[in-house]
């Protein structure tokens, strides 16, 4: 088991949301061994509280003063949050409310306890958390879900994992009427990984309207397995594109969904995998530490693009990612132009080479392995 570098609020209840398989349950059990633990994935417990939610309130009465209460997969019965609210207000009970979907929580409890519980996200393993087990080639193929890294059959696990989401999250919750069509959508979405989204193009390919495509992407975001990244437009000196980019949350999941055949260039898939691995590590690091930073990308209408812009109260960073081991002047052009427009940004060019360098404008050139293993020093 890997030690997670996750900072949590010490004196306030919080939601802990993240995709299935990221290790939420394992973490809370190990971090809070004395907590009162309620597992809604246990079918008997689930059925008891579904039929008679008052039993849940009686269970909460067993909590000792200052004892944490963990409710695992709380989105399965969102109505229980009414009792959570009462116990926070009346007894000052501290809760950790884990969940793998924000959809039902947002739908049925719009205010998420009206701020009485903070919202924190739990992500895939970071390279720093993997420590000496980190293997760049393995990470690019299979991603950073804990089980994918630990099992002897990561490819088989990932296929089962994707099937589990279709079966348990999509089908059982009746999120879509046509599961076969949604499965095709997932494959099509994988071809959009790291790309600017065209809902109209995807809809035409699948034979559905733009609105339905948008709803499908919203499902991926609510299930915390896909993210639309907005364009960075603050004080822009150039005309910017407006459509977002899209990423699945893990490179192993992306590669499992991305069908590969003789006509699919492996260089293209590998390039997107490098970008995805950088994205998921940045996202995990920011959210693990509770940093006040948002992830954007930069792209002008003239197609000058920088892969990731990280901006907020805790800093201003720009990252250009290239699947190349040799640096050409053309590779540096876009990140150099961004640095010129935003001289106060900390700008990095990340590549597959071995040398650390620095341009005259202040752009740091860093090998991807060094970047991934030293995120703490970059974001300090």
Protein backbone atom coordinates (compact mmCIF):
# COMPACT_ATOMS: atom_id res chain seq x y z
CA UNK A 1 0.00 0.00 0.00
CA UNK A 2 1.25 3.48 -0.87
CA UNK A 3 1.33 6.38 1.58
CA UNK A 4 -0.91 9.13 0.28
CA UNK A 5 0.19 12.75 0.62
CA UNK A 6 -3.29 14.10 1.16
CA UNK A 7 -3.97 17.04 3.46
CA UNK A 8 -7.42 17.08 5.02
CA UNK A 9 -9.29 19.52 7.29
CA UNK A 10 -8.58 18.55 10.89
CA UNK A 11 -11.60 20.11 12.52
CA UNK A 12 -14.36 20.23 9.91
CA UNK A 13 -16.47 17.67 8.08
CA UNK A 14 -15.62 17.10 4.43
CA UNK A 15 -16.77 15.30 1.32
CA UNK A 16 -14.07 13.10 -0.21
CA UNK A 17 -15.02 12.58 -3.85
CA UNK A 18 -13.08 10.67 -6.47
CA UNK A 19 -13.41 7.93 -9.10
CA UNK A 20 -13.80 4.36 -8.00
CA UNK A 21 -10.52 2.58 -7.44
CA UNK A 22 -8.47 5.62 -6.45
CA UNK A 23 -8.13 4.33 -2.88
CA UNK A 24 -10.57 6.51 -0.92
CA UNK A 25 -11.86 3.68 1.30
CA UNK A 26 -8.38 2.33 1.95
CA UNK A 27 -7.12 5.77 2.88
CA UNK A 28 -9.92 6.65 5.32
CA UNK A 29 -9.71 3.25 7.04
CA UNK A 30 -5.96 3.61 7.57
CA UNK A 31 -5.96 7.31 8.42
CA UNK A 32 -8.93 7.08 10.82
CA UNK A 33 -8.81 3.59 12.38
CA UNK A 34 -10.93 4.67 15.37
CA UNK A 35 -13.70 6.24 13.31
CA UNK A 36 -17.28 4.98 13.25
CA UNK A 37 -17.38 3.44 9.78
CA UNK A 38 -20.58 3.03 7.74
CA UNK A 39 -20.19 1.29 4.39
CA UNK A 40 -23.04 1.86 1.93
CA UNK A 41 -21.41 -0.49 -0.57
CA UNK A 42 -22.32 -3.28 1.84
CA UNK A 43 -25.63 -4.44 0.38
CA UNK A 44 -27.27 -5.34 3.70
CA UNK A 45 -26.38 -1.94 5.19
CA UNK A 46 -27.56 -0.20 2.03
CA UNK A 47 -30.92 -1.97 2.05
CA UNK A 48 -31.48 -1.35 5.78
CA UNK A 49 -30.94 2.40 5.48
CA UNK A 50 -32.82 2.63 2.20
CA UNK A 51 -35.92 1.07 3.81
CA UNK A 52 -35.56 2.79 7.16
CA UNK A 53 -33.20 5.81 7.11
CA UNK A 54 -33.98 6.51 10.78
CA UNK A 55 -31.71 3.56 11.58
CA UNK A 56 -28.86 5.61 10.19
CA UNK A 57 -29.54 8.37 12.71
CA UNK A 58 -29.60 5.82 15.54
CA UNK A 59 -26.25 4.49 14.33
CA UNK A 60 -24.79 8.00 14.43
CA UNK A 61 -25.77 8.26 18.09
CA UNK A 62 -23.07 5.67 18.81
CA UNK A 63 -20.35 8.12 17.84
CA UNK A 64 -18.25 9.25 20.79
CA UNK A 65 -17.39 12.94 21.30
CA UNK A 66 -14.59 13.96 18.90
CA UNK A 67 -14.89 10.64 17.03
CA UNK A 68 -14.93 10.92 13.23
CA UNK A 69 -17.79 9.27 11.36
CA UNK A 70 -17.07 7.88 7.89
CA UNK A 71 -19.95 7.28 5.48
CA UNK A 72 -18.55 5.44 2.47
CA UNK A 73 -20.22 6.00 -0.94
CA UNK A 74 -22.79 8.39 0.51
CA UNK A 75 -24.20 9.19 -2.94
CA UNK A 76 -26.00 5.83 -2.90
CA UNK A 77 -28.56 7.29 -0.45
CA UNK A 78 -28.30 11.10 -0.67
CA UNK A 79 -31.25 11.50 1.70
CA UNK A 80 -29.00 10.44 4.59
CA UNK A 81 -27.33 13.82 4.34
CA UNK A 82 -30.35 15.29 6.14
CA UNK A 83 -29.34 13.30 9.23
CA UNK A 84 -25.69 14.23 8.72
CA UNK A 85 -26.73 17.88 8.68
CA UNK A 86 -28.65 17.46 11.95
CA UNK A 87 -25.73 15.78 13.71
CA UNK A 88 -23.27 18.44 12.54
CA UNK A 89 -25.58 21.18 13.79
CA UNK A 90 -26.78 19.62 17.04
CA UNK A 91 -23.88 17.40 18.14
CA UNK A 92 -20.89 18.90 16.29
CA UNK A 93 -20.13 15.47 14.84
CA UNK A 94 -17.30 15.43 12.27
CA UNK A 95 -17.99 13.45 9.10
CA UNK A 96 -15.97 12.17 6.17
CA UNK A 97 -18.42 11.54 3.34
CA UNK A 98 -16.84 9.61 0.48
CA UNK A 99 -18.38 9.25 -2.95
CA UNK A 100 -17.54 8.22 -6.52
CA UNK A 101 -20.22 10.38 -8.13
CA UNK A 102 -21.21 13.98 -7.65
CA UNK A 103 -24.28 13.55 -9.89
CA UNK A 104 -26.83 12.33 -7.35
CA UNK A 105 -25.43 14.58 -4.64
CA UNK A 106 -25.84 17.66 -6.83
CA UNK A 107 -29.26 16.57 -8.03
CA UNK A 108 -30.80 15.70 -4.70
CA UNK A 109 -28.89 17.91 -2.27
CA UNK A 110 -27.98 20.99 -4.23
CA UNK A 111 -26.32 22.86 -1.38
CA UNK A 112 -24.15 19.94 -0.20
CA UNK A 113 -24.87 20.75 3.46
CA UNK A 114 -24.71 24.50 2.79
CA UNK A 115 -20.98 24.70 3.32
CA UNK A 116 -20.97 22.76 6.60
CA UNK A 117 -18.72 20.19 4.93
CA UNK A 118 -15.80 21.10 2.70
CA UNK A 119 -15.44 19.52 -0.73
CA UNK A 120 -12.16 17.68 -1.38
CA UNK A 121 -11.18 15.50 -4.32
CA UNK A 122 -9.20 12.26 -4.17
CA UNK A 123 -7.25 11.31 -7.27
CA UNK A 124 -4.95 8.71 -8.74
CA UNK A 125 -1.53 8.13 -7.24
CA UNK A 126 1.10 10.76 -7.90
CA UNK A 127 4.59 9.85 -9.02
CA UNK A 128 5.90 11.10 -5.68
CA UNK A 129 3.53 8.74 -3.84
CA UNK A 130 4.74 5.81 -5.96
CA UNK A 131 8.30 6.59 -4.91
CA UNK A 132 10.84 4.00 -6.05
CA UNK A 133 8.07 1.95 -7.71
CA UNK A 134 7.57 4.63 -10.36
CA UNK A 135 8.30 3.36 -13.85
CA UNK A 136 7.66 5.89 -16.63
CA UNK A 137 6.95 3.28 -19.30
CA UNK A 138 4.52 1.42 -17.04
CA UNK A 139 2.78 4.65 -16.04
CA UNK A 140 2.29 5.68 -19.67
CA UNK A 141 0.74 2.31 -20.49
CA UNK A 142 -1.37 1.64 -17.41
CA UNK A 143 -1.78 4.88 -15.50
CA UNK A 144 -1.81 5.43 -11.75
CA UNK A 145 -4.84 3.68 -10.32
CA UNK A 146 -3.41 1.79 -7.31
CA UNK A 147 -4.62 -1.63 -8.47
CA UNK A 148 -3.34 -1.08 -12.00
CA UNK A 149 0.11 -0.46 -10.56
CA UNK A 150 0.04 -3.39 -8.15
CA UNK A 151 -1.61 -6.17 -10.14
CA UNK A 152 0.29 -8.57 -12.37
CA UNK A 153 -2.37 -8.09 -15.08
CA UNK A 154 -2.91 -4.32 -15.38
CA UNK A 155 -4.38 -4.53 -18.88
CA UNK A 156 -7.06 -7.02 -17.78
CA UNK A 157 -7.79 -4.95 -14.67
CA UNK A 158 -8.32 -1.78 -16.71
CA UNK A 159 -10.70 -3.51 -19.10
CA UNK A 160 -12.68 -4.77 -16.13
CA UNK A 161 -12.58 -1.31 -14.55
CA UNK A 162 -14.05 0.37 -17.63
CA UNK A 163 -16.72 -2.34 -17.81
CA UNK A 164 -17.52 -1.79 -14.13
CA UNK A 165 -18.25 1.87 -14.73
CA UNK A 166 -20.55 1.02 -17.63
CA UNK A 167 -22.34 -1.64 -15.63
CA UNK A 168 -22.48 -0.21 -12.12
CA UNK A 169 -22.39 3.55 -12.54
CA UNK A 170 -24.08 4.07 -15.90
CA UNK A 171 -26.52 1.18 -16.23
CA UNK A 172 -27.60 0.74 -12.61
CA UNK A 173 -28.16 4.44 -12.10
CA UNK A 174 -30.04 4.67 -15.43
CA UNK A 175 -27.92 7.65 -16.47
CA UNK A 176 -28.42 6.88 -20.17
CA UNK A 177 -31.12 5.02 -22.07
CA UNK A 178 -28.84 3.43 -24.64
CA UNK A 179 -25.79 1.80 -22.99
CA UNK A 180 -24.41 0.61 -26.35
CA UNK A 181 -24.45 4.14 -27.72
CA UNK A 182 -22.79 5.49 -24.59
CA UNK A 183 -20.09 2.84 -24.90
CA UNK A 184 -19.39 4.08 -28.44
CA UNK A 185 -19.35 7.63 -27.10
CA UNK A 186 -16.64 6.67 -24.59
CA UNK A 187 -14.46 5.38 -27.40
CA UNK A 188 -15.09 8.52 -29.45
CA UNK A 189 -14.32 10.69 -26.42
CA UNK A 190 -10.98 8.90 -26.06
CA UNK A 191 -10.07 10.15 -29.54
CA UNK A 192 -10.70 13.65 -28.17
CA UNK A 193 -8.24 13.18 -25.30
CA UNK A 194 -6.13 16.29 -24.94
CA UNK A 195 -7.94 17.92 -27.87
CA UNK A 196 -10.25 20.89 -28.21
CA UNK A 197 -13.79 19.55 -28.13
CA UNK A 198 -16.17 19.73 -31.07
CA UNK A 199 -19.53 18.52 -29.80
CA UNK A 200 -21.02 18.88 -33.26
CA UNK A 201 -18.38 16.65 -34.86
CA UNK A 202 -18.79 13.95 -32.21
CA UNK A 203 -22.57 14.13 -32.53
CA UNK A 204 -22.37 13.72 -36.30
CA UNK A 205 -20.10 10.71 -35.92
CA UNK A 206 -22.45 9.04 -33.43
CA UNK A 207 -25.69 10.14 -35.10
CA UNK A 208 -26.94 12.13 -32.10
CA UNK A 209 -27.54 15.82 -31.47
CA UNK A 210 -25.08 18.23 -29.90
CA UNK A 211 -27.15 18.57 -26.72
CA UNK A 212 -26.97 14.82 -26.05
CA UNK A 213 -23.20 14.84 -26.57
CA UNK A 214 -22.91 17.67 -24.04
CA UNK A 215 -25.03 15.68 -21.57
CA UNK A 216 -22.76 12.65 -22.04
CA UNK A 217 -19.67 14.73 -21.26
CA UNK A 218 -21.47 16.11 -18.21
CA UNK A 219 -22.03 12.53 -17.01
CA UNK A 220 -18.28 11.88 -17.26
CA UNK A 221 -17.59 15.02 -15.23
CA UNK A 222 -20.21 14.12 -12.60
CA UNK A 223 -18.68 10.65 -12.30
CA UNK A 224 -15.29 12.35 -11.86
CA UNK A 225 -13.70 10.38 -14.70
CA UNK A 226 -13.55 13.14 -17.32
CA UNK A 227 -12.81 16.86 -17.26
CA UNK A 228 -13.27 19.78 -19.61
CA UNK A 229 -10.40 22.24 -19.25
CA UNK A 230 -11.20 25.91 -20.05
CA UNK A 231 -8.99 28.23 -22.07
CA UNK A 232 -6.90 30.77 -20.16
CA UNK A 233 -8.03 34.26 -21.15
CA UNK A 234 -6.89 36.53 -18.32
CA UNK A 235 -5.46 39.75 -19.76
CA UNK A 236 -5.01 38.02 -23.11
CA UNK A 237 -3.07 40.04 -25.65
CA UNK A 238 -4.18 37.84 -28.54
CA UNK A 239 -7.50 36.54 -29.84
CA UNK A 240 -8.24 33.26 -28.05
CA UNK A 241 -10.20 30.15 -28.89
CA UNK A 242 -13.22 29.55 -26.66
CA UNK A 243 -13.87 25.80 -26.69
CA UNK A 244 -12.49 23.61 -23.87
CA UNK A 245 -10.09 20.69 -23.99
CA UNK A 246 -11.05 17.27 -22.64
CA UNK A 247 -9.17 14.69 -20.57
CA UNK A 248 -10.06 11.36 -19.02
CA UNK A 249 -8.65 11.32 -15.51
CA UNK A 250 -6.04 8.58 -16.02
CA UNK A 251 -3.78 7.58 -18.87
CA UNK A 252 -4.43 3.87 -18.31
CA UNK A 253 -8.19 4.42 -18.60
CA UNK A 254 -7.64 6.59 -21.69
CA UNK A 255 -5.55 3.92 -23.42
CA UNK A 256 -8.08 1.22 -22.55
CA UNK A 257 -10.89 3.22 -24.15
CA UNK A 258 -8.79 4.38 -27.12
CA UNK A 259 -9.11 1.65 -29.74
CA UNK A 260 -5.80 1.00 -31.49
CA UNK A 261 -5.38 -0.60 -34.88
CA UNK A 262 -2.87 -0.76 -37.74
CA UNK A 263 -3.89 2.71 -38.95
CA UNK A 264 -3.45 4.37 -35.55
CA UNK A 265 0.06 5.84 -35.19
CA UNK A 266 1.54 4.76 -31.85
CA UNK A 267 3.44 8.07 -31.68
CA UNK A 268 0.13 9.94 -31.48
CA UNK A 269 -1.22 7.72 -28.71
CA UNK A 270 2.05 7.88 -26.77
CA UNK A 271 2.18 11.66 -27.12
CA UNK A 272 -1.29 12.05 -25.66
CA UNK A 273 -0.34 9.60 -22.89
CA UNK A 274 2.62 11.76 -21.84
CA UNK A 275 0.37 14.83 -21.74
CA UNK A 276 -2.29 12.93 -19.77
CA UNK A 277 0.24 11.68 -17.23
CA UNK A 278 1.44 15.24 -16.65
CA UNK A 279 -2.17 16.44 -16.35
CA UNK A 280 -3.25 13.84 -13.81
CA UNK A 281 -0.15 14.37 -11.66
CA UNK A 282 -0.64 18.13 -11.63
CA UNK A 283 -4.33 17.71 -10.78
CA UNK A 284 -3.63 15.19 -8.03
CA UNK A 285 -0.88 17.32 -6.53
CA UNK A 286 -2.98 20.49 -6.47
CA UNK A 287 -5.99 18.78 -4.90
CA UNK A 288 -4.00 16.64 -2.46
CA UNK A 289 -2.48 19.76 -0.95
CA UNK A 290 -5.61 21.88 -1.23
CA UNK A 291 -3.81 24.52 -3.31
CA UNK A 292 -5.82 27.43 -4.66
CA UNK A 293 -5.00 26.78 -8.31
CA UNK A 294 -7.06 26.05 -11.41
CA UNK A 295 -6.00 24.17 -14.55
CA UNK A 296 -6.40 25.88 -17.93
CA UNK A 297 -4.84 25.62 -21.37
CA UNK A 298 -3.78 28.38 -23.75
CA UNK A 299 -4.62 28.55 -27.44
CA UNK A 300 -4.90 31.55 -29.71
CA UNK A 301 -7.02 31.67 -32.84
CA UNK A 302 -3.71 31.45 -34.71
CA UNK A 303 -3.21 28.05 -33.03
CA UNK A 304 -0.40 29.07 -30.70
CA UNK A 305 -0.93 26.65 -27.84
CA UNK A 306 0.50 25.86 -24.40
CA UNK A 307 -0.75 22.61 -22.88
CA UNK A 308 -1.40 23.65 -19.27
CA UNK A 309 -1.70 26.97 -17.49
CA UNK A 310 -1.99 26.69 -13.72
CA UNK A 311 -3.29 29.90 -12.18
CA UNK A 312 -4.64 31.07 -8.83
CA UNK A 313 -3.80 32.49 -5.43
CA UNK A 314 -0.95 30.00 -5.01
CA UNK A 315 0.93 30.70 -8.22
CA UNK A 316 1.09 31.09 -11.98
CA UNK A 317 2.65 28.29 -14.04
CA UNK A 318 2.81 27.31 -17.72
CA UNK A 319 3.71 23.82 -18.96
CA UNK A 320 4.33 22.73 -22.53
CA UNK A 321 4.64 18.95 -22.96
CA UNK A 322 6.33 17.28 -25.95
CA UNK A 323 6.96 13.65 -26.76
CA UNK A 324 10.47 14.28 -28.03
CA UNK A 325 13.94 13.55 -26.74
CA UNK A 326 15.57 16.28 -28.83
CA UNK A 327 14.70 19.94 -28.63
CA UNK A 328 14.14 22.07 -31.73
CA UNK A 329 13.64 25.82 -31.76
CA UNK A 330 10.13 25.31 -33.17
CA UNK A 331 9.18 23.18 -30.14
CA UNK A 332 9.91 26.09 -27.82
CA UNK A 333 8.17 28.78 -29.85
CA UNK A 334 4.75 28.72 -28.15
CA UNK A 335 5.96 28.53 -24.56
CA UNK A 336 8.49 31.30 -25.30
CA UNK A 337 5.71 33.52 -26.69
CA UNK A 338 3.58 32.84 -23.62
CA UNK A 339 6.50 33.75 -21.36
CA UNK A 340 6.90 37.00 -23.29
CA UNK A 341 3.20 37.83 -22.85
CA UNK A 342 3.19 36.74 -19.17
CA UNK A 343 6.73 37.33 -17.84
CA UNK A 344 5.67 36.66 -14.23
CA UNK A 345 4.67 33.07 -15.05
CA UNK A 346 6.93 30.17 -14.10
CA UNK A 347 7.21 28.47 -17.48
CA UNK A 348 8.41 24.95 -18.22
CA UNK A 349 9.08 22.85 -21.30
CA UNK A 350 8.69 19.14 -20.42
CA UNK A 351 10.17 16.51 -22.74
CA UNK A 352 11.54 12.95 -22.92
CA UNK A 353 15.19 13.95 -23.00
CA UNK A 354 17.69 13.85 -20.14
CA UNK A 355 19.14 17.35 -19.88
CA UNK A 356 17.92 20.25 -17.76
CA UNK A 357 18.29 23.57 -19.55
CA UNK A 358 17.01 27.13 -19.41
CA UNK A 359 16.25 29.55 -22.23
CA UNK A 360 17.27 33.21 -22.25
CA UNK A 361 13.65 34.20 -21.56
CA UNK A 362 13.55 32.06 -18.42
CA UNK A 363 11.71 28.96 -19.67
CA UNK A 364 13.00 25.92 -17.81
CA UNK A 365 13.51 22.77 -19.88
CA UNK A 366 13.08 19.66 -17.77
CA UNK A 367 12.87 15.90 -18.44
CA UNK A 368 9.40 14.50 -17.79
CA UNK A 369 10.69 12.03 -15.20
CA UNK A 370 12.36 14.81 -13.22
CA UNK A 371 9.26 16.97 -13.51
CA UNK A 372 6.92 14.26 -12.24
CA UNK A 373 9.11 13.29 -9.32
CA UNK A 374 9.70 16.89 -8.20
CA UNK A 375 6.26 18.47 -8.35
CA UNK A 376 6.49 19.47 -4.70
CA UNK A 377 9.52 21.67 -5.36
CA UNK A 378 7.87 23.21 -8.43
CA UNK A 379 4.64 24.07 -6.63
CA UNK A 380 6.21 24.93 -3.26
